[in-house]
PDB file of N, CA and C in Angstrom:
ATOM      1  N   MET A   1      -7.348   1.181 -25.282  1.00  0.00           N
ATOM      2  CA  MET A   1      -7.779   2.492 -24.880  1.00  0.00           C
ATOM      3  C   MET A   1      -7.749   2.573 -23.360  1.00  0.00           C
ATOM      4  N   ALA A   2      -7.144   3.587 -22.826  1.00  0.00           N
ATOM      5  CA  ALA A   2      -7.033   3.741 -21.386  1.00  0.00           C
ATOM      6  C   ALA A   2      -8.355   4.208 -20.800  1.00  0.00           C
ATOM      7  N   ALA A   3      -8.709   3.641 -19.680  1.00  0.00           N
ATOM      8  CA  ALA A   3      -9.930   4.050 -18.984  1.00  0.00           C
ATOM      9  C   ALA A   3      -9.675   5.345 -18.250  1.00  0.00           C
ATOM     10  N   SER A   4     -10.734   6.103 -18.076  1.00  0.00           N
ATOM     11  CA  SER A   4     -10.646   7.381 -17.383  1.00  0.00           C
ATOM     12  C   SER A   4     -11.419   7.276 -16.077  1.00  0.00           C
ATOM     13  N   TYR A   5     -10.708   7.120 -14.987  1.00  0.00           N
ATOM     14  CA  TYR A   5     -11.350   6.953 -13.691  1.00  0.00           C
ATOM     15  C   TYR A   5     -11.573   8.300 -13.051  1.00  0.00           C
ATOM     16  N   GLY A   6     -12.789   8.485 -12.531  1.00  0.00           N
ATOM     17  CA  GLY A   6     -13.117   9.707 -11.827  1.00  0.00           C
ATOM     18  C   GLY A   6     -13.555  10.842 -12.726  1.00  0.00           C
ATOM     19  N   THR A   7     -13.492  10.670 -14.028  1.00  0.00           N
ATOM     20  CA  THR A   7     -13.941  11.718 -14.951  1.00  0.00           C
ATOM     21  C   THR A   7     -14.874  11.088 -15.965  1.00  0.00           C
ATOM     22  N   GLY A   8     -16.102  10.899 -15.568  1.00  0.00           N
ATOM     23  CA  GLY A   8     -17.043  10.202 -16.445  1.00  0.00           C
ATOM     24  C   GLY A   8     -17.175   8.782 -15.975  1.00  0.00           C
ATOM     25  N   GLY A   9     -16.789   7.811 -16.807  1.00  0.00           N
ATOM     26  CA  GLY A   9     -16.834   6.421 -16.410  1.00  0.00           C
ATOM     27  C   GLY A   9     -15.927   6.197 -15.216  1.00  0.00           C
ATOM     28  N   GLY A  10     -16.381   5.398 -14.298  1.00  0.00           N
ATOM     29  CA  GLY A  10     -15.571   5.090 -13.135  1.00  0.00           C
ATOM     30  C   GLY A  10     -15.876   5.953 -11.929  1.00  0.00           C
ATOM     31  N   ARG A  11     -16.743   6.941 -12.049  1.00  0.00           N
ATOM     32  CA  ARG A  11     -17.075   7.807 -10.916  1.00  0.00           C
ATOM     33  C   ARG A  11     -17.908   7.008  -9.915  1.00  0.00           C
ATOM     34  N   PRO A  12     -17.509   6.994  -8.642  1.00  0.00           N
ATOM     35  CA  PRO A  12     -18.287   6.230  -7.660  1.00  0.00           C
ATOM     36  C   PRO A  12     -19.626   6.899  -7.378  1.00  0.00           C
ATOM     37  N   ARG A  13     -20.599   6.068  -6.992  1.00  0.00           N
ATOM     38  CA  ARG A  13     -21.900   6.605  -6.599  1.00  0.00           C
ATOM     39  C   ARG A  13     -22.433   5.764  -5.441  1.00  0.00           C
ATOM     40  N   ALA A  14     -23.240   6.375  -4.625  1.00  0.00           N
ATOM     41  CA  ALA A  14     -23.827   5.678  -3.484  1.00  0.00           C
ATOM     42  C   ALA A  14     -24.899   4.716  -3.972  1.00  0.00           C
ATOM     43  N   ALA A  15     -25.009   3.593  -3.299  1.00  0.00           N
ATOM     44  CA  ALA A  15     -26.053   2.617  -3.585  1.00  0.00           C
ATOM     45  C   ALA A  15     -26.772   2.305  -2.272  1.00  0.00           C
ATOM     46  N   ASP A  16     -27.598   1.284  -2.288  1.00  0.00           N
ATOM     47  CA  ASP A  16     -28.346   0.904  -1.092  1.00  0.00           C
ATOM     48  C   ASP A  16     -27.435   0.388   0.017  1.00  0.00           C
ATOM     49  N   ASP A  17     -27.883   0.570   1.233  1.00  0.00           N
ATOM     50  CA  ASP A  17     -27.244  -0.033   2.402  1.00  0.00           C
ATOM     51  C   ASP A  17     -25.770   0.288   2.565  1.00  0.00           C
ATOM     52  N   GLY A  18     -25.357   1.482   2.194  1.00  0.00           N
ATOM     53  CA  GLY A  18     -23.982   1.905   2.432  1.00  0.00           C
ATOM     54  C   GLY A  18     -22.955   1.408   1.438  1.00  0.00           C
ATOM     55  N   TRP A  19     -23.379   0.818   0.356  1.00  0.00           N
ATOM     56  CA  TRP A  19     -22.447   0.365  -0.677  1.00  0.00           C
ATOM     57  C   TRP A  19     -22.116   1.528  -1.604  1.00  0.00           C
ATOM     58  N   THR A  20     -20.878   1.562  -2.062  1.00  0.00           N
ATOM     59  CA  THR A  20     -20.436   2.519  -3.065  1.00  0.00           C
ATOM     60  C   THR A  20     -20.216   1.746  -4.360  1.00  0.00           C
ATOM     61  N   VAL A  21     -20.816   2.211  -5.443  1.00  0.00           N
ATOM     62  CA  VAL A  21     -20.701   1.540  -6.738  1.00  0.00           C
ATOM     63  C   VAL A  21     -19.642   2.242  -7.576  1.00  0.00           C
ATOM     64  N   VAL A  22     -18.720   1.451  -8.116  1.00  0.00           N
ATOM     65  CA  VAL A  22     -17.654   1.965  -8.978  1.00  0.00           C
ATOM     66  C   VAL A  22     -17.794   1.284 -10.336  1.00  0.00           C
ATOM     67  N   GLU A  23     -18.009   2.065 -11.374  1.00  0.00           N
ATOM     68  CA  GLU A  23     -18.096   1.522 -12.730  1.00  0.00           C
ATOM     69  C   GLU A  23     -16.697   1.399 -13.323  1.00  0.00           C
ATOM     70  N   VAL A  24     -16.439   0.275 -13.955  1.00  0.00           N
ATOM     71  CA  VAL A  24     -15.193   0.089 -14.693  1.00  0.00           C
ATOM     72  C   VAL A  24     -15.534   0.378 -16.155  1.00  0.00           C
ATOM     73  N   PRO A  25     -14.983   1.459 -16.733  1.00  0.00           N
ATOM     74  CA  PRO A  25     -15.413   1.893 -18.061  1.00  0.00           C
ATOM     75  C   PRO A  25     -14.775   1.164 -19.239  1.00  0.00           C
ATOM     76  N   GLY A  26     -14.153   0.039 -19.010  1.00  0.00           N
ATOM     77  CA  GLY A  26     -13.535  -0.701 -20.105  1.00  0.00           C
ATOM     78  C   GLY A  26     -12.761  -1.883 -19.554  1.00  0.00           C
ATOM     79  N   ASP A  27     -11.943  -2.475 -20.381  1.00  0.00           N
ATOM     80  CA  ASP A  27     -11.182  -3.650 -19.969  1.00  0.00           C
ATOM     81  C   ASP A  27     -10.288  -3.347 -18.777  1.00  0.00           C
ATOM     82  N   LEU A  28     -10.063  -4.377 -17.984  1.00  0.00           N
ATOM     83  CA  LEU A  28      -9.220  -4.264 -16.800  1.00  0.00           C
ATOM     84  C   LEU A  28      -8.025  -5.172 -17.026  1.00  0.00           C
ATOM     85  N   ASP A  29      -6.945  -4.557 -17.508  1.00  0.00           N
ATOM     86  CA  ASP A  29      -5.792  -5.339 -17.942  1.00  0.00           C
ATOM     87  C   ASP A  29      -4.487  -4.673 -17.525  1.00  0.00           C
ATOM     88  N   PHE A  30      -3.405  -5.181 -18.055  1.00  0.00           N
ATOM     89  CA  PHE A  30      -2.065  -4.697 -17.735  1.00  0.00           C
ATOM     90  C   PHE A  30      -1.940  -3.182 -17.865  1.00  0.00           C
ATOM     91  N   TYR A  31      -2.605  -2.609 -18.834  1.00  0.00           N
ATOM     92  CA  TYR A  31      -2.487  -1.177 -19.095  1.00  0.00           C
ATOM     93  C   TYR A  31      -3.349  -0.333 -18.162  1.00  0.00           C
ATOM     94  N   SER A  32      -4.544  -0.793 -17.857  1.00  0.00           N
ATOM     95  CA  SER A  32      -5.464   0.007 -17.048  1.00  0.00           C
ATOM     96  C   SER A  32      -5.395  -0.319 -15.555  1.00  0.00           C
ATOM     97  N   ALA A  33      -4.886  -1.473 -15.193  1.00  0.00           N
ATOM     98  CA  ALA A  33      -4.897  -1.917 -13.796  1.00  0.00           C
ATOM     99  C   ALA A  33      -4.188  -0.955 -12.833  1.00  0.00           C
ATOM    100  N   PRO A  34      -3.017  -0.426 -13.159  1.00  0.00           N
ATOM    101  CA  PRO A  34      -2.368   0.486 -12.199  1.00  0.00           C
ATOM    102  C   PRO A  34      -3.211   1.722 -11.874  1.00  0.00           C
ATOM    103  N   ASP A  35      -3.831   2.319 -12.883  1.00  0.00           N
ATOM    104  CA  ASP A  35      -4.680   3.484 -12.638  1.00  0.00           C
ATOM    105  C   ASP A  35      -5.912   3.102 -11.829  1.00  0.00           C
ATOM    106  N   PHE A  36      -6.487   1.944 -12.125  1.00  0.00           N
ATOM    107  CA  PHE A  36      -7.668   1.516 -11.391  1.00  0.00           C
ATOM    108  C   PHE A  36      -7.311   1.217  -9.929  1.00  0.00           C
ATOM    109  N   ALA A  37      -6.145   0.647  -9.699  1.00  0.00           N
ATOM    110  CA  ALA A  37      -5.704   0.380  -8.323  1.00  0.00           C
ATOM    111  C   ALA A  37      -5.583   1.683  -7.533  1.00  0.00           C
ATOM    112  N   LYS A  38      -4.988   2.687  -8.137  1.00  0.00           N
ATOM    113  CA  LYS A  38      -4.858   3.993  -7.466  1.00  0.00           C
ATOM    114  C   LYS A  38      -6.237   4.586  -7.190  1.00  0.00           C
ATOM    115  N   TYR A  39      -7.119   4.465  -8.157  1.00  0.00           N
ATOM    116  CA  TYR A  39      -8.461   5.001  -8.017  1.00  0.00           C
ATOM    117  C   TYR A  39      -9.207   4.319  -6.870  1.00  0.00           C
ATOM    118  N   LEU A  40      -9.158   2.990  -6.812  1.00  0.00           N
ATOM    119  CA  LEU A  40      -9.818   2.276  -5.721  1.00  0.00           C
ATOM    120  C   LEU A  40      -9.210   2.638  -4.376  1.00  0.00           C
ATOM    121  N   GLY A  41      -7.893   2.800  -4.345  1.00  0.00           N
ATOM    122  CA  GLY A  41      -7.230   3.211  -3.108  1.00  0.00           C
ATOM    123  C   GLY A  41      -7.708   4.563  -2.631  1.00  0.00           C
ATOM    124  N   GLY A  42      -7.921   5.475  -3.567  1.00  0.00           N
ATOM    125  CA  GLY A  42      -8.425   6.801  -3.224  1.00  0.00           C
ATOM    126  C   GLY A  42      -9.839   6.755  -2.683  1.00  0.00           C
ATOM    127  N   ILE A  43     -10.664   5.889  -3.259  1.00  0.00           N
ATOM    128  CA  ILE A  43     -12.040   5.746  -2.786  1.00  0.00           C
ATOM    129  C   ILE A  43     -12.038   5.193  -1.361  1.00  0.00           C
ATOM    130  N   ALA A  44     -11.211   4.198  -1.124  1.00  0.00           N
ATOM    131  CA  ALA A  44     -11.121   3.627   0.222  1.00  0.00           C
ATOM    132  C   ALA A  44     -10.557   4.649   1.210  1.00  0.00           C
ATOM    133  N   ALA A  45      -9.562   5.415   0.786  1.00  0.00           N
ATOM    134  CA  ALA A  45      -8.983   6.435   1.661  1.00  0.00           C
ATOM    135  C   ALA A  45      -9.991   7.513   2.019  1.00  0.00           C
ATOM    136  N   ALA A  46     -10.965   7.732   1.130  1.00  0.00           N
ATOM    137  CA  ALA A  46     -12.010   8.723   1.382  1.00  0.00           C
ATOM    138  C   ALA A  46     -13.092   8.189   2.316  1.00  0.00           C
ATOM    139  N   GLY A  47     -12.987   6.921   2.712  1.00  0.00           N
ATOM    140  CA  GLY A  47     -13.910   6.377   3.692  1.00  0.00           C
ATOM    141  C   GLY A  47     -14.837   5.281   3.231  1.00  0.00           C
ATOM    142  N   ALA A  48     -14.857   4.957   1.949  1.00  0.00           N
ATOM    143  CA  ALA A  48     -15.726   3.874   1.470  1.00  0.00           C
ATOM    144  C   ALA A  48     -15.194   2.541   1.977  1.00  0.00           C
ATOM    145  N   ARG A  49     -16.059   1.729   2.533  1.00  0.00           N
ATOM    146  CA  ARG A  49     -15.655   0.429   3.064  1.00  0.00           C
ATOM    147  C   ARG A  49     -16.332  -0.740   2.371  1.00  0.00           C
ATOM    148  N   ARG A  50     -17.423  -0.459   1.668  1.00  0.00           N
ATOM    149  CA  ARG A  50     -18.162  -1.513   0.976  1.00  0.00           C
ATOM    150  C   ARG A  50     -18.321  -1.093  -0.473  1.00  0.00           C
ATOM    151  N   LEU A  51     -17.608  -1.791  -1.358  1.00  0.00           N
ATOM    152  CA  LEU A  51     -17.593  -1.431  -2.773  1.00  0.00           C
ATOM    153  C   LEU A  51     -18.258  -2.493  -3.640  1.00  0.00           C
ATOM    154  N   VAL A  52     -19.072  -2.027  -4.574  1.00  0.00           N
ATOM    155  CA  VAL A  52     -19.586  -2.860  -5.652  1.00  0.00           C
ATOM    156  C   VAL A  52     -18.879  -2.389  -6.913  1.00  0.00           C
ATOM    157  N   ILE A  53     -18.166  -3.289  -7.555  1.00  0.00           N
ATOM    158  CA  ILE A  53     -17.471  -2.968  -8.798  1.00  0.00           C
ATOM    159  C   ILE A  53     -18.384  -3.386  -9.950  1.00  0.00           C
ATOM    160  N   ASP A  54     -18.895  -2.394 -10.674  1.00  0.00           N
ATOM    161  CA  ASP A  54     -19.800  -2.644 -11.795  1.00  0.00           C
ATOM    162  C   ASP A  54     -18.958  -3.027 -13.005  1.00  0.00           C
ATOM    163  N   MET A  55     -19.008  -4.305 -13.372  1.00  0.00           N
ATOM    164  CA  MET A  55     -18.157  -4.864 -14.420  1.00  0.00           C
ATOM    165  C   MET A  55     -18.856  -4.980 -15.776  1.00  0.00           C
ATOM    166  N   ARG A  56     -20.038  -4.386 -15.929  1.00  0.00           N
ATOM    167  CA  ARG A  56     -20.823  -4.620 -17.152  1.00  0.00           C
ATOM    168  C   ARG A  56     -20.122  -4.179 -18.433  1.00  0.00           C
ATOM    169  N   ASP A  57     -19.181  -3.229 -18.365  1.00  0.00           N
ATOM    170  CA  ASP A  57     -18.467  -2.779 -19.563  1.00  0.00           C
ATOM    171  C   ASP A  57     -17.105  -3.433 -19.723  1.00  0.00           C
ATOM    172  N   VAL A  58     -16.816  -4.439 -18.903  1.00  0.00           N
ATOM    173  CA  VAL A  58     -15.524  -5.128 -18.969  1.00  0.00           C
ATOM    174  C   VAL A  58     -15.690  -6.401 -19.793  1.00  0.00           C
ATOM    175  N   ALA A  59     -15.132  -6.380 -20.998  1.00  0.00           N
ATOM    176  CA  ALA A  59     -15.184  -7.561 -21.863  1.00  0.00           C
ATOM    177  C   ALA A  59     -13.958  -8.440 -21.678  1.00  0.00           C
ATOM    178  N   PHE A  60     -12.889  -7.855 -21.105  1.00  0.00           N
ATOM    179  CA  PHE A  60     -11.650  -8.597 -20.914  1.00  0.00           C
ATOM    180  C   PHE A  60     -10.993  -8.170 -19.620  1.00  0.00           C
ATOM    181  N   MET A  61     -10.524  -9.154 -18.857  1.00  0.00           N
ATOM    182  CA  MET A  61      -9.733  -8.890 -17.664  1.00  0.00           C
ATOM    183  C   MET A  61      -8.610  -9.908 -17.631  1.00  0.00           C
ATOM    184  N   ASP A  62      -7.396  -9.443 -17.379  1.00  0.00           N
ATOM    185  CA  ASP A  62      -6.270 -10.363 -17.262  1.00  0.00           C
ATOM    186  C   ASP A  62      -5.842 -10.465 -15.804  1.00  0.00           C
ATOM    187  N   SER A  63      -4.716 -11.121 -15.577  1.00  0.00           N
ATOM    188  CA  SER A  63      -4.248 -11.335 -14.207  1.00  0.00           C
ATOM    189  C   SER A  63      -3.911 -10.027 -13.493  1.00  0.00           C
ATOM    190  N   SER A  64      -3.542  -8.999 -14.233  1.00  0.00           N
ATOM    191  CA  SER A  64      -3.259  -7.699 -13.609  1.00  0.00           C
ATOM    192  C   SER A  64      -4.527  -7.109 -13.008  1.00  0.00           C
ATOM    193  N   GLY A  65      -5.613  -7.179 -13.743  1.00  0.00           N
ATOM    194  CA  GLY A  65      -6.894  -6.697 -13.229  1.00  0.00           C
ATOM    195  C   GLY A  65      -7.377  -7.543 -12.060  1.00  0.00           C
ATOM    196  N   LEU A  66      -7.196  -8.843 -12.164  1.00  0.00           N
ATOM    197  CA  LEU A  66      -7.582  -9.739 -11.083  1.00  0.00           C
ATOM    198  C   LEU A  66      -6.811  -9.403  -9.810  1.00  0.00           C
ATOM    199  N   ARG A  67      -5.531  -9.156  -9.949  1.00  0.00           N
ATOM    200  CA  ARG A  67      -4.692  -8.805  -8.800  1.00  0.00           C
ATOM    201  C   ARG A  67      -5.191  -7.531  -8.127  1.00  0.00           C
ATOM    202  N   VAL A  68      -5.565  -6.522  -8.914  1.00  0.00           N
ATOM    203  CA  VAL A  68      -6.081  -5.273  -8.351  1.00  0.00           C
ATOM    204  C   VAL A  68      -7.338  -5.537  -7.537  1.00  0.00           C
ATOM    205  N   LEU A  69      -8.250  -6.325  -8.081  1.00  0.00           N
ATOM    206  CA  LEU A  69      -9.490  -6.620  -7.365  1.00  0.00           C
ATOM    207  C   LEU A  69      -9.229  -7.420  -6.094  1.00  0.00           C
ATOM    208  N   LEU A  70      -8.338  -8.399  -6.167  1.00  0.00           N
ATOM    209  CA  LEU A  70      -8.009  -9.194  -4.984  1.00  0.00           C
ATOM    210  C   LEU A  70      -7.344  -8.341  -3.906  1.00  0.00           C
ATOM    211  N   ASN A  71      -6.437  -7.467  -4.297  1.00  0.00           N
ATOM    212  CA  ASN A  71      -5.784  -6.588  -3.318  1.00  0.00           C
ATOM    213  C   ASN A  71      -6.787  -5.638  -2.674  1.00  0.00           C
ATOM    214  N   ALA A  72      -7.674  -5.076  -3.483  1.00  0.00           N
ATOM    215  CA  ALA A  72      -8.687  -4.171  -2.947  1.00  0.00           C
ATOM    216  C   ALA A  72      -9.620  -4.918  -2.002  1.00  0.00           C
ATOM    217  N   ALA A  73     -10.026  -6.129  -2.374  1.00  0.00           N
ATOM    218  CA  ALA A  73     -10.904  -6.925  -1.516  1.00  0.00           C
ATOM    219  C   ALA A  73     -10.217  -7.228  -0.192  1.00  0.00           C
ATOM    220  N   ARG A  74      -8.958  -7.591  -0.234  1.00  0.00           N
ATOM    221  CA  ARG A  74      -8.200  -7.877   0.999  1.00  0.00           C
ATOM    222  C   ARG A  74      -8.112  -6.638   1.881  1.00  0.00           C
ATOM    223  N   ASP A  75      -7.745  -5.512   1.287  1.00  0.00           N
ATOM    224  CA  ASP A  75      -7.607  -4.271   2.058  1.00  0.00           C
ATOM    225  C   ASP A  75      -8.932  -3.871   2.698  1.00  0.00           C
ATOM    226  N   LEU A  76     -10.021  -4.001   1.959  1.00  0.00           N
ATOM    227  CA  LEU A  76     -11.329  -3.658   2.504  1.00  0.00           C
ATOM    228  C   LEU A  76     -11.711  -4.601   3.645  1.00  0.00           C
ATOM    229  N   ARG A  77     -11.493  -5.909   3.448  1.00  0.00           N
ATOM    230  CA  ARG A  77     -11.810  -6.885   4.504  1.00  0.00           C
ATOM    231  C   ARG A  77     -11.018  -6.593   5.770  1.00  0.00           C
ATOM    232  N   GLU A  78      -9.753  -6.250   5.628  1.00  0.00           N
ATOM    233  CA  GLU A  78      -8.905  -5.972   6.794  1.00  0.00           C
ATOM    234  C   GLU A  78      -9.386  -4.749   7.568  1.00  0.00           C
ATOM    235  N   ASN A  79     -10.180  -3.903   6.914  1.00  0.00           N
ATOM    236  CA  ASN A  79     -10.721  -2.706   7.560  1.00  0.00           C
ATOM    237  C   ASN A  79     -12.222  -2.815   7.805  1.00  0.00           C
ATOM    238  N   GLY A  80     -12.722  -4.049   7.858  1.00  0.00           N
ATOM    239  CA  GLY A  80     -14.124  -4.274   8.162  1.00  0.00           C
ATOM    240  C   GLY A  80     -15.067  -4.076   6.996  1.00  0.00           C
ATOM    241  N   GLY A  81     -14.542  -4.025   5.785  1.00  0.00           N
ATOM    242  CA  GLY A  81     -15.372  -3.787   4.612  1.00  0.00           C
ATOM    243  C   GLY A  81     -15.517  -5.012   3.740  1.00  0.00           C
ATOM    244  N   ALA A  82     -15.970  -4.774   2.509  1.00  0.00           N
ATOM    245  CA  ALA A  82     -16.193  -5.867   1.566  1.00  0.00           C
ATOM    246  C   ALA A  82     -16.164  -5.328   0.143  1.00  0.00           C
ATOM    247  N   LEU A  83     -15.928  -6.228  -0.793  1.00  0.00           N
ATOM    248  CA  LEU A  83     -15.944  -5.901  -2.214  1.00  0.00           C
ATOM    249  C   LEU A  83     -16.760  -6.963  -2.927  1.00  0.00           C
ATOM    250  N   ARG A  84     -17.640  -6.525  -3.827  1.00  0.00           N
ATOM    251  CA  ARG A  84     -18.457  -7.421  -4.635  1.00  0.00           C
ATOM    252  C   ARG A  84     -18.363  -7.004  -6.095  1.00  0.00           C
ATOM    253  N   LEU A  85     -18.470  -7.976  -6.980  1.00  0.00           N
ATOM    254  CA  LEU A  85     -18.473  -7.708  -8.416  1.00  0.00           C
ATOM    255  C   LEU A  85     -19.883  -7.846  -8.958  1.00  0.00           C
ATOM    256  N   ALA A  86     -20.303  -6.867  -9.746  1.00  0.00           N
ATOM    257  CA  ALA A  86     -21.635  -6.894 -10.347  1.00  0.00           C
ATOM    258  C   ALA A  86     -21.528  -7.023 -11.860  1.00  0.00           C
ATOM    259  N   ALA A  87     -22.337  -7.881 -12.418  1.00  0.00           N
ATOM    260  CA  ALA A  87     -22.499  -8.053 -13.868  1.00  0.00           C
ATOM    261  C   ALA A  87     -21.208  -8.397 -14.620  1.00  0.00           C
ATOM    262  N   PRO A  88     -20.385  -9.305 -14.085  1.00  0.00           N
ATOM    263  CA  PRO A  88     -19.203  -9.697 -14.860  1.00  0.00           C
ATOM    264  C   PRO A  88     -19.611 -10.543 -16.064  1.00  0.00           C
ATOM    265  N   ASP A  89     -18.877 -10.410 -17.171  1.00  0.00           N
ATOM    266  CA  ASP A  89     -19.210 -11.211 -18.351  1.00  0.00           C
ATOM    267  C   ASP A  89     -18.576 -12.599 -18.229  1.00  0.00           C
ATOM    268  N   GLU A  90     -18.824 -13.432 -19.213  1.00  0.00           N
ATOM    269  CA  GLU A  90     -18.373 -14.829 -19.171  1.00  0.00           C
ATOM    270  C   GLU A  90     -16.853 -14.965 -19.046  1.00  0.00           C
ATOM    271  N   GLN A  91     -16.097 -14.110 -19.738  1.00  0.00           N
ATOM    272  CA  GLN A  91     -14.635 -14.203 -19.669  1.00  0.00           C
ATOM    273  C   GLN A  91     -14.148 -13.915 -18.258  1.00  0.00           C
ATOM    274  N   VAL A  92     -14.712 -12.913 -17.628  1.00  0.00           N
ATOM    275  CA  VAL A  92     -14.320 -12.562 -16.267  1.00  0.00           C
ATOM    276  C   VAL A  92     -14.722 -13.676 -15.311  1.00  0.00           C
ATOM    277  N   LEU A  93     -15.926 -14.196 -15.458  1.00  0.00           N
ATOM    278  CA  LEU A  93     -16.361 -15.300 -14.609  1.00  0.00           C
ATOM    279  C   LEU A  93     -15.461 -16.522 -14.770  1.00  0.00           C
ATOM    280  N   ARG A  94     -15.059 -16.783 -15.996  1.00  0.00           N
ATOM    281  CA  ARG A  94     -14.170 -17.933 -16.257  1.00  0.00           C
ATOM    282  C   ARG A  94     -12.824 -17.730 -15.575  1.00  0.00           C
ATOM    283  N   LEU A  95     -12.267 -16.534 -15.642  1.00  0.00           N
ATOM    284  CA  LEU A  95     -10.987 -16.249 -14.981  1.00  0.00           C
ATOM    285  C   LEU A  95     -11.116 -16.459 -13.471  1.00  0.00           C
ATOM    286  N   ILE A  96     -12.204 -15.999 -12.890  1.00  0.00           N
ATOM    287  CA  ILE A  96     -12.424 -16.174 -11.455  1.00  0.00           C
ATOM    288  C   ILE A  96     -12.564 -17.657 -11.112  1.00  0.00           C
ATOM    289  N   GLU A  97     -13.256 -18.397 -11.968  1.00  0.00           N
ATOM    290  CA  GLU A  97     -13.423 -19.828 -11.745  1.00  0.00           C
ATOM    291  C   GLU A  97     -12.098 -20.578 -11.854  1.00  0.00           C
ATOM    292  N   VAL A  98     -11.350 -20.323 -12.908  1.00  0.00           N
ATOM    293  CA  VAL A  98     -10.088 -21.031 -13.144  1.00  0.00           C
ATOM    294  C   VAL A  98      -9.071 -20.755 -12.038  1.00  0.00           C
ATOM    295  N   THR A  99      -9.058 -19.529 -11.553  1.00  0.00           N
ATOM    296  CA  THR A  99      -8.099 -19.162 -10.504  1.00  0.00           C
ATOM    297  C   THR A  99      -8.613 -19.483  -9.105  1.00  0.00           C
ATOM    298  N   GLN A 100      -9.844 -19.937  -9.007  1.00  0.00           N
ATOM    299  CA  GLN A 100     -10.460 -20.368  -7.755  1.00  0.00           C
ATOM    300  C   GLN A 100     -10.491 -19.272  -6.690  1.00  0.00           C
ATOM    301  N   VAL A 101     -10.789 -18.044  -7.116  1.00  0.00           N
ATOM    302  CA  VAL A 101     -10.860 -16.921  -6.172  1.00  0.00           C
ATOM    303  C   VAL A 101     -12.293 -16.453  -5.940  1.00  0.00           C
ATOM    304  N   GLY A 102     -13.257 -17.254  -6.376  1.00  0.00           N
ATOM    305  CA  GLY A 102     -14.660 -16.901  -6.201  1.00  0.00           C
ATOM    306  C   GLY A 102     -15.039 -16.535  -4.774  1.00  0.00           C
ATOM    307  N   PRO A 103     -14.557 -17.272  -3.759  1.00  0.00           N
ATOM    308  CA  PRO A 103     -14.908 -16.901  -2.386  1.00  0.00           C
ATOM    309  C   PRO A 103     -14.379 -15.519  -1.980  1.00  0.00           C
ATOM    310  N   LEU A 104     -13.333 -15.067  -2.621  1.00  0.00           N
ATOM    311  CA  LEU A 104     -12.750 -13.766  -2.303  1.00  0.00           C
ATOM    312  C   LEU A 104     -13.374 -12.636  -3.113  1.00  0.00           C
ATOM    313  N   LEU A 105     -13.938 -12.971  -4.263  1.00  0.00           N
ATOM    314  CA  LEU A 105     -14.564 -11.987  -5.152  1.00  0.00           C
ATOM    315  C   LEU A 105     -15.975 -12.451  -5.501  1.00  0.00           C
ATOM    316  N   PRO A 106     -16.915 -12.282  -4.587  1.00  0.00           N
ATOM    317  CA  PRO A 106     -18.280 -12.727  -4.884  1.00  0.00           C
ATOM    318  C   PRO A 106     -18.874 -11.958  -6.055  1.00  0.00           C
ATOM    319  N   THR A 107     -19.579 -12.678  -6.910  1.00  0.00           N
ATOM    320  CA  THR A 107     -20.165 -12.076  -8.111  1.00  0.00           C
ATOM    321  C   THR A 107     -21.685 -12.089  -8.016  1.00  0.00           C
ATOM    322  N   TYR A 108     -22.289 -11.073  -8.624  1.00  0.00           N
ATOM    323  CA  TYR A 108     -23.730 -10.890  -8.631  1.00  0.00           C
ATOM    324  C   TYR A 108     -24.155 -10.526 -10.041  1.00  0.00           C
ATOM    325  N   ARG A 109     -25.413 -10.806 -10.378  1.00  0.00           N
ATOM    326  CA  ARG A 109     -25.873 -10.583 -11.745  1.00  0.00           C
ATOM    327  C   ARG A 109     -25.975  -9.115 -12.108  1.00  0.00           C
ATOM    328  N   ASP A 110     -26.215  -8.238 -11.117  1.00  0.00           N
ATOM    329  CA  ASP A 110     -26.325  -6.807 -11.397  1.00  0.00           C
ATOM    330  C   ASP A 110     -26.008  -5.995 -10.141  1.00  0.00           C
ATOM    331  N   VAL A 111     -25.953  -4.690 -10.286  1.00  0.00           N
ATOM    332  CA  VAL A 111     -25.599  -3.805  -9.177  1.00  0.00           C
ATOM    333  C   VAL A 111     -26.627  -3.906  -8.052  1.00  0.00           C
ATOM    334  N   GLY A 112     -27.897  -3.974  -8.404  1.00  0.00           N
ATOM    335  CA  GLY A 112     -28.939  -4.073  -7.388  1.00  0.00           C
ATOM    336  C   GLY A 112     -28.773  -5.293  -6.502  1.00  0.00           C
ATOM    337  N   SER A 113     -28.467  -6.422  -7.111  1.00  0.00           N
ATOM    338  CA  SER A 113     -28.250  -7.655  -6.333  1.00  0.00           C
ATOM    339  C   SER A 113     -27.006  -7.540  -5.465  1.00  0.00           C
ATOM    340  N   ALA A 114     -25.969  -6.948  -6.003  1.00  0.00           N
ATOM    341  CA  ALA A 114     -24.702  -6.833  -5.262  1.00  0.00           C
ATOM    342  C   ALA A 114     -24.790  -5.862  -4.106  1.00  0.00           C
ATOM    343  N   SER A 115     -25.602  -4.830  -4.229  1.00  0.00           N
ATOM    344  CA  SER A 115     -25.663  -3.818  -3.173  1.00  0.00           C
ATOM    345  C   SER A 115     -26.739  -4.096  -2.141  1.00  0.00           C
ATOM    346  N   GLY A 116     -27.515  -5.154  -2.345  1.00  0.00           N
ATOM    347  CA  GLY A 116     -28.504  -5.555  -1.346  1.00  0.00           C
ATOM    348  C   GLY A 116     -27.883  -6.528  -0.383  1.00  0.00           C
ATOM    349  N   ASP A 117     -28.367  -6.533   0.840  1.00  0.00           N
ATOM    350  CA  ASP A 117     -27.801  -7.478   1.821  1.00  0.00           C
ATOM    351  C   ASP A 117     -28.663  -8.649   2.037  1.00  0.00           C
TER     352      ASP A 117
END
């Protein structure tokens, strides 16, 4: 099922300390990754520099989704920003561990922890 970004699930919202929270409304995989990449690019183009990606509804993420998150994190860092992942499930955490990208995609137990400094 394709995720719907910007219309319901996936709508960004302001959080504490200047963080913008983006909910991922489903799996982040080969099919949904291109749309999510465009959506994140639009949020960054609108001026958001610090993003918390709320992963609580993501039960599966493949390398396509990982690539989108890594590219977004790089782009934000290059512009003085940051990207954090909130509430990733075990499969997502395992993918981050196996690929050894944890330092590039810091994970937090929930949105509140991720948006606090």
